[in-house]
Amino acid sequence: MSPRALVLLAGAQVAIGAAAIFARFALLAAGPLSVGALRLAIGSVPLVVLALARRRYRVVDPPTERLLLVAGFVLAVHFATWIASLQHASVAVATLLVCSTPVFTEAWAFARTRRVRLPGLAGIALAGAGVALVVGLPNRTETPLGIALATTGAIAMAAYLILIRASDPRYGTLAVVGRTFPLAAAILAVAAVAVGDRVPPPGATAAWGGILAMALVSQLFGHTALAAAVRSLSATLVATTTLLEPVIAAALAAAIFAERLAIGTAAGAFLILAGIALAIRAEERSLPEQP
């Protein structure tokens, strides 16, 4: 294994795992729609410039263009609901639930193909039991609304991944994110104006710092480093390390916000993580072998 790739992978997971911490600071002086819009808008600038320079906005397949419009909308739903969930649930549980995306993509695969993949079905069952345990123990930190918002964020991300995977292969990653990221930012900006969602004032340094960190550290660095690491490491290893994201988020929240998980919530978290691991394993086994 390349030491450089391992360092990149570790850095990526820390950066992505810290996104919820950054969002908490952003929410000190802004609403969730504004935070999502600003994060995506700032992170989209270099992508749009690069996509324009490489002529990635040419229309190659009209059905894919329409598909990516829907993908941009569900991406906006993902960011709106996940960021809002942080106002009604702990960082650990909100991050854990939003990371359950592989379970929903596996459920979609089963519903579409009717193929029984035992690891995938076991993953869905375990994660479902974990979510039921977490939902059954709401308190002042883990409210039903927070749990519902975070779970909606996971479902929306699953829908986004399913939609972009169905796009024409002539649309590369830059063409896809160069369309969906700015579109999601625009949708969230319109929604923020429509509902009067507050924007942080110029002097709100903590909020602006959180927004910039989400855009530059978690989005640009984190996801770019993840893409770079997967070129040298196996997809299975990279996918499995994403299970560290809620752990990193929980550790940072404990250190910064003094958040602690109740025993029942921790047990539910363990089941959800085990379910995600099985769902990822099922997905990897369904892929064709690489030469």
Protein backbone atom coordinates (compact mmCIF):
# COMPACT_ATOMS: atom_id res chain seq x y z
CA MET A 1 0.00 0.00 0.00
CA SER A 2 1.18 3.50 -0.80
CA PRO A 3 1.97 5.43 2.42
CA ARG A 4 0.97 8.64 0.62
CA ALA A 5 -2.42 7.17 -0.28
CA LEU A 6 -2.98 6.03 3.32
CA VAL A 7 -2.15 9.50 4.61
CA LEU A 8 -4.54 11.02 2.06
CA LEU A 9 -7.26 8.58 3.09
CA ALA A 10 -6.79 9.34 6.79
CA GLY A 11 -6.84 13.08 6.13
CA ALA A 12 -9.93 12.77 3.97
CA GLN A 13 -11.89 10.92 6.66
CA VAL A 14 -10.93 13.45 9.33
CA ALA A 15 -11.93 16.33 7.04
CA ILE A 16 -15.26 14.77 6.10
CA GLY A 17 -15.95 13.59 9.64
CA ALA A 18 -15.45 17.15 10.89
CA ALA A 19 -18.15 18.53 8.56
CA ALA A 20 -20.84 18.28 11.25
CA ILE A 21 -18.64 20.18 13.71
CA PHE A 22 -18.11 22.95 11.15
CA ALA A 23 -21.86 23.00 10.47
CA ARG A 24 -22.62 23.44 14.17
CA PHE A 25 -20.47 26.60 14.21
CA ALA A 26 -22.10 27.82 10.98
CA LEU A 27 -25.56 27.37 12.52
CA LEU A 28 -24.68 29.75 15.35
CA ALA A 29 -25.60 32.70 13.12
CA ALA A 30 -27.30 31.20 10.06
CA GLY A 31 -30.15 28.92 9.09
CA PRO A 32 -29.64 25.46 7.59
CA LEU A 33 -30.77 26.46 4.08
CA SER A 34 -28.35 29.39 3.99
CA VAL A 35 -25.51 27.28 5.36
CA GLY A 36 -26.09 24.61 2.71
CA ALA A 37 -26.37 27.16 -0.08
CA LEU A 38 -23.19 28.98 0.94
CA ARG A 39 -21.20 25.76 1.40
CA LEU A 40 -22.17 24.46 -2.02
CA ALA A 41 -21.74 27.83 -3.74
CA ILE A 42 -18.23 28.38 -2.37
CA GLY A 43 -17.19 24.79 -3.07
CA SER A 44 -18.64 24.97 -6.59
CA VAL A 45 -16.61 27.95 -7.77
CA PRO A 46 -13.39 26.06 -8.65
CA LEU A 47 -15.42 23.18 -10.11
CA VAL A 48 -17.39 25.48 -12.39
CA VAL A 49 -14.23 27.27 -13.54
CA LEU A 50 -12.55 23.96 -14.31
CA ALA A 51 -15.64 22.57 -16.04
CA LEU A 52 -15.86 25.66 -18.24
CA ALA A 53 -12.16 25.49 -19.07
CA ARG A 54 -12.49 21.84 -20.09
CA ARG A 55 -15.79 22.36 -21.92
CA ARG A 56 -17.74 19.97 -19.70
CA TYR A 57 -21.04 21.83 -20.15
CA ARG A 58 -21.66 20.61 -23.67
CA VAL A 59 -25.00 18.81 -24.01
CA VAL A 60 -24.18 15.24 -25.01
CA ASP A 61 -27.34 13.42 -23.92
CA PRO A 62 -30.62 15.35 -23.24
CA PRO A 63 -32.12 12.59 -21.00
CA THR A 64 -28.99 12.74 -18.81
CA GLU A 65 -29.32 16.53 -18.59
CA ARG A 66 -32.85 16.06 -17.23
CA LEU A 67 -31.65 13.32 -14.89
CA LEU A 68 -28.98 15.62 -13.46
CA LEU A 69 -31.58 18.32 -12.85
CA VAL A 70 -33.42 15.90 -10.57
CA ALA A 71 -30.10 14.87 -9.01
CA GLY A 72 -29.33 18.50 -8.21
CA PHE A 73 -32.70 18.83 -6.49
CA VAL A 74 -32.27 15.75 -4.29
CA LEU A 75 -28.73 16.89 -3.43
CA ALA A 76 -30.24 20.14 -2.17
CA VAL A 77 -32.70 18.10 -0.07
CA HIS A 78 -29.78 16.11 1.35
CA PHE A 79 -27.87 19.18 2.53
CA ALA A 80 -30.97 20.98 3.80
CA THR A 81 -32.20 18.08 5.92
CA TRP A 82 -28.82 16.90 7.21
CA ILE A 83 -27.68 20.37 8.27
CA ALA A 84 -31.08 21.06 9.86
CA SER A 85 -30.86 17.76 11.77
CA LEU A 86 -27.86 19.12 13.67
CA GLN A 87 -30.19 21.59 15.37
CA HIS A 88 -32.34 18.75 16.73
CA ALA A 89 -29.93 15.85 17.30
CA SER A 90 -26.40 15.30 18.53
CA VAL A 91 -23.53 15.49 16.07
CA ALA A 92 -22.81 11.77 16.54
CA VAL A 93 -26.34 10.53 15.81
CA ALA A 94 -27.00 13.00 12.96
CA THR A 95 -23.75 11.97 11.26
CA LEU A 96 -24.36 8.29 11.92
CA LEU A 97 -27.83 8.33 10.39
CA VAL A 98 -26.82 10.38 7.36
CA CYS A 99 -23.98 7.90 6.73
CA SER A 100 -26.52 5.07 6.41
CA THR A 101 -26.83 5.87 2.68
CA PRO A 102 -25.38 2.47 1.58
CA VAL A 103 -28.26 0.72 3.32
CA PHE A 104 -30.80 2.63 1.23
CA THR A 105 -28.90 2.09 -2.02
CA GLU A 106 -28.81 -1.64 -1.21
CA ALA A 107 -32.56 -1.60 -0.47
CA TRP A 108 -33.15 0.07 -3.85
CA ALA A 109 -31.01 -2.54 -5.60
CA PHE A 110 -33.05 -5.33 -4.02
CA ALA A 111 -36.40 -3.67 -4.86
CA ARG A 112 -35.32 -3.13 -8.48
CA THR A 113 -33.71 -6.48 -9.24
CA ARG A 114 -35.37 -8.81 -6.69
CA ARG A 115 -31.97 -10.46 -6.35
CA VAL A 116 -31.38 -11.79 -2.86
CA ARG A 117 -27.92 -10.77 -1.64
CA LEU A 118 -27.72 -12.11 1.90
CA PRO A 119 -25.01 -9.68 3.15
CA GLY A 120 -27.03 -6.76 1.79
CA LEU A 121 -30.30 -7.93 3.32
CA ALA A 122 -28.54 -8.63 6.62
CA GLY A 123 -27.11 -5.10 6.48
CA ILE A 124 -30.56 -3.60 5.95
CA ALA A 125 -31.97 -5.64 8.85
CA LEU A 126 -29.15 -4.70 11.23
CA ALA A 127 -29.25 -1.01 10.33
CA GLY A 128 -33.05 -1.01 10.60
CA ALA A 129 -32.82 -2.50 14.08
CA GLY A 130 -30.25 0.12 15.03
CA VAL A 131 -32.39 2.98 13.74
CA ALA A 132 -35.40 1.57 15.60
CA LEU A 133 -33.35 1.49 18.78
CA VAL A 134 -32.18 5.08 18.33
CA VAL A 135 -35.68 6.29 17.39
CA GLY A 136 -37.16 4.50 20.38
CA LEU A 137 -34.94 6.41 22.78
CA PRO A 138 -35.50 10.09 21.90
CA ASN A 139 -34.52 12.66 24.50
CA ARG A 140 -33.75 16.35 24.54
CA THR A 141 -30.70 15.74 22.36
CA GLU A 142 -31.97 13.01 20.02
CA THR A 143 -35.42 14.34 19.10
CA PRO A 144 -37.71 12.50 16.67
CA LEU A 145 -37.46 15.50 14.32
CA GLY A 146 -33.66 15.37 14.31
CA ILE A 147 -33.70 11.63 13.61
CA ALA A 148 -36.23 12.08 10.80
CA LEU A 149 -34.25 14.90 9.19
CA ALA A 150 -30.96 12.98 9.29
CA THR A 151 -32.59 9.85 7.88
CA THR A 152 -34.17 11.91 5.11
CA GLY A 153 -30.72 13.28 4.33
CA ALA A 154 -29.40 9.73 3.94
CA ILE A 155 -32.29 8.75 1.65
CA ALA A 156 -31.76 11.87 -0.46
CA MET A 157 -28.05 11.11 -0.84
CA ALA A 158 -28.90 7.55 -1.87
CA ALA A 159 -31.27 8.93 -4.52
CA TYR A 160 -28.53 11.30 -5.72
CA LEU A 161 -26.02 8.47 -6.10
CA ILE A 162 -28.55 6.26 -7.91
CA LEU A 163 -29.44 9.08 -10.32
CA ILE A 164 -25.87 10.02 -11.23
CA ARG A 165 -24.93 6.37 -11.61
CA ALA A 166 -27.70 6.08 -14.22
CA SER A 167 -26.33 9.03 -16.22
CA ASP A 168 -24.65 8.65 -19.58
CA PRO A 169 -21.04 7.42 -19.09
CA ARG A 170 -19.83 10.20 -21.39
CA TYR A 171 -20.56 12.58 -18.52
CA GLY A 172 -17.48 12.36 -16.32
CA THR A 173 -17.27 13.30 -12.64
CA LEU A 174 -16.47 16.95 -13.39
CA ALA A 175 -19.42 17.24 -15.77
CA VAL A 176 -21.75 15.75 -13.14
CA VAL A 177 -20.65 17.77 -10.11
CA GLY A 178 -20.21 20.88 -12.26
CA ARG A 179 -23.95 20.69 -12.91
CA THR A 180 -25.42 19.27 -9.71
CA PHE A 181 -23.44 21.24 -7.11
CA PRO A 182 -24.24 24.76 -8.44
CA LEU A 183 -27.85 23.72 -9.11
CA ALA A 184 -28.27 22.48 -5.54
CA ALA A 185 -26.71 25.72 -4.27
CA ALA A 186 -29.17 27.78 -6.34
CA ILE A 187 -32.17 25.73 -5.12
CA LEU A 188 -31.12 26.16 -1.49
CA ALA A 189 -30.52 29.90 -2.00
CA VAL A 190 -34.03 30.36 -3.45
CA ALA A 191 -35.52 28.30 -0.61
CA ALA A 192 -33.58 30.33 1.97
CA VAL A 193 -34.92 33.60 0.56
CA ALA A 194 -38.46 32.20 0.33
CA VAL A 195 -38.61 31.18 4.00
CA GLY A 196 -36.48 34.05 5.32
CA ASP A 197 -33.62 31.82 6.41
CA ARG A 198 -30.99 34.01 8.02
CA VAL A 199 -27.57 34.64 6.49
CA PRO A 200 -24.65 35.18 8.89
CA PRO A 201 -23.73 38.86 9.28
CA PRO A 202 -20.22 39.89 8.20
CA GLY A 203 -19.02 40.01 11.80
CA ALA A 204 -20.11 36.45 12.64
CA THR A 205 -16.60 35.02 12.36
CA ALA A 206 -17.42 31.62 13.90
CA ALA A 207 -20.31 31.05 11.48
CA TRP A 208 -18.33 32.16 8.43
CA GLY A 209 -15.39 30.07 9.57
CA GLY A 210 -17.66 27.03 9.81
CA ILE A 211 -19.09 27.63 6.33
CA LEU A 212 -15.66 28.12 4.75
CA ALA A 213 -14.30 25.04 6.53
CA MET A 214 -17.22 22.95 5.27
CA ALA A 215 -16.64 24.14 1.70
CA LEU A 216 -12.85 24.08 1.57
CA VAL A 217 -11.82 21.43 4.11
CA SER A 218 -14.67 18.89 4.06
CA GLN A 219 -15.88 19.29 0.49
CA LEU A 220 -12.90 20.30 -1.66
CA PHE A 221 -10.05 18.72 0.29
CA GLY A 222 -11.91 15.78 1.87
CA HIS A 223 -13.71 14.47 -1.18
CA THR A 224 -10.81 15.25 -3.52
CA ALA A 225 -8.39 13.35 -1.26
CA LEU A 226 -10.83 10.44 -1.11
CA ALA A 227 -10.92 10.31 -4.92
CA ALA A 228 -7.11 10.44 -5.04
CA ALA A 229 -6.74 7.66 -2.44
CA VAL A 230 -9.01 5.26 -4.31
CA ARG A 231 -6.62 5.35 -7.27
CA SER A 232 -3.98 3.54 -5.18
CA LEU A 233 -6.08 1.66 -2.62
CA SER A 234 -8.92 -0.80 -3.11
CA ALA A 235 -12.46 0.54 -3.34
CA THR A 236 -13.42 -1.86 -0.54
CA LEU A 237 -10.85 -0.38 1.83
CA VAL A 238 -11.82 3.20 0.99
CA ALA A 239 -15.55 2.47 1.32
CA THR A 240 -15.07 0.68 4.64
CA THR A 241 -13.08 3.57 6.12
CA THR A 242 -16.10 5.82 5.63
CA LEU A 243 -17.44 4.04 8.74
CA LEU A 244 -14.90 6.14 10.65
CA GLU A 245 -16.75 9.38 9.79
CA PRO A 246 -19.43 9.13 12.53
CA VAL A 247 -16.76 7.93 14.98
CA ILE A 248 -14.59 10.96 14.18
CA ALA A 249 -17.61 13.24 14.43
CA ALA A 250 -18.57 11.74 17.81
CA ALA A 251 -15.03 12.10 19.16
CA LEU A 252 -14.79 15.74 18.04
CA ALA A 253 -18.26 16.52 19.42
CA ALA A 254 -17.30 14.99 22.77
CA ALA A 255 -14.13 17.10 22.90
CA ILE A 256 -15.65 20.37 21.66
CA PHE A 257 -19.32 20.27 22.71
CA ALA A 258 -19.10 17.73 25.58
CA GLU A 259 -21.66 15.49 23.84
CA ARG A 260 -22.04 11.94 25.14
CA LEU A 261 -24.01 9.00 23.75
CA ALA A 262 -26.49 7.18 25.97
CA ILE A 263 -25.96 3.41 26.28
CA GLY A 264 -29.04 2.61 24.20
CA THR A 265 -28.06 5.09 21.51
CA ALA A 266 -24.52 3.68 21.41
CA ALA A 267 -25.94 0.16 20.96
CA GLY A 268 -28.11 1.39 18.10
CA ALA A 269 -25.10 3.12 16.58
CA PHE A 270 -23.14 -0.15 16.67
CA LEU A 271 -25.94 -1.99 14.84
CA ILE A 272 -26.18 0.76 12.20
CA LEU A 273 -22.43 0.70 11.58
CA ALA A 274 -22.49 -3.09 11.28
CA GLY A 275 -25.38 -2.84 8.83
CA ILE A 276 -23.56 -0.24 6.73
CA ALA A 277 -20.45 -2.44 6.65
CA LEU A 278 -22.48 -5.41 5.36
CA ALA A 279 -24.24 -3.24 2.77
CA ILE A 280 -20.90 -1.94 1.50
CA ARG A 281 -19.56 -5.48 1.35
CA ALA A 282 -22.58 -6.63 -0.65
CA GLU A 283 -22.11 -3.77 -3.12
CA GLU A 284 -18.42 -4.53 -3.57
CA ARG A 285 -19.11 -8.22 -4.22
CA SER A 286 -21.66 -7.31 -6.90
CA LEU A 287 -19.09 -5.32 -8.92
CA PRO A 288 -17.18 -7.03 -11.72
CA GLU A 289 -13.62 -8.04 -10.98
CA GLN A 290 -10.99 -5.54 -12.10
CA PRO A 291 -8.12 -6.80 -14.28
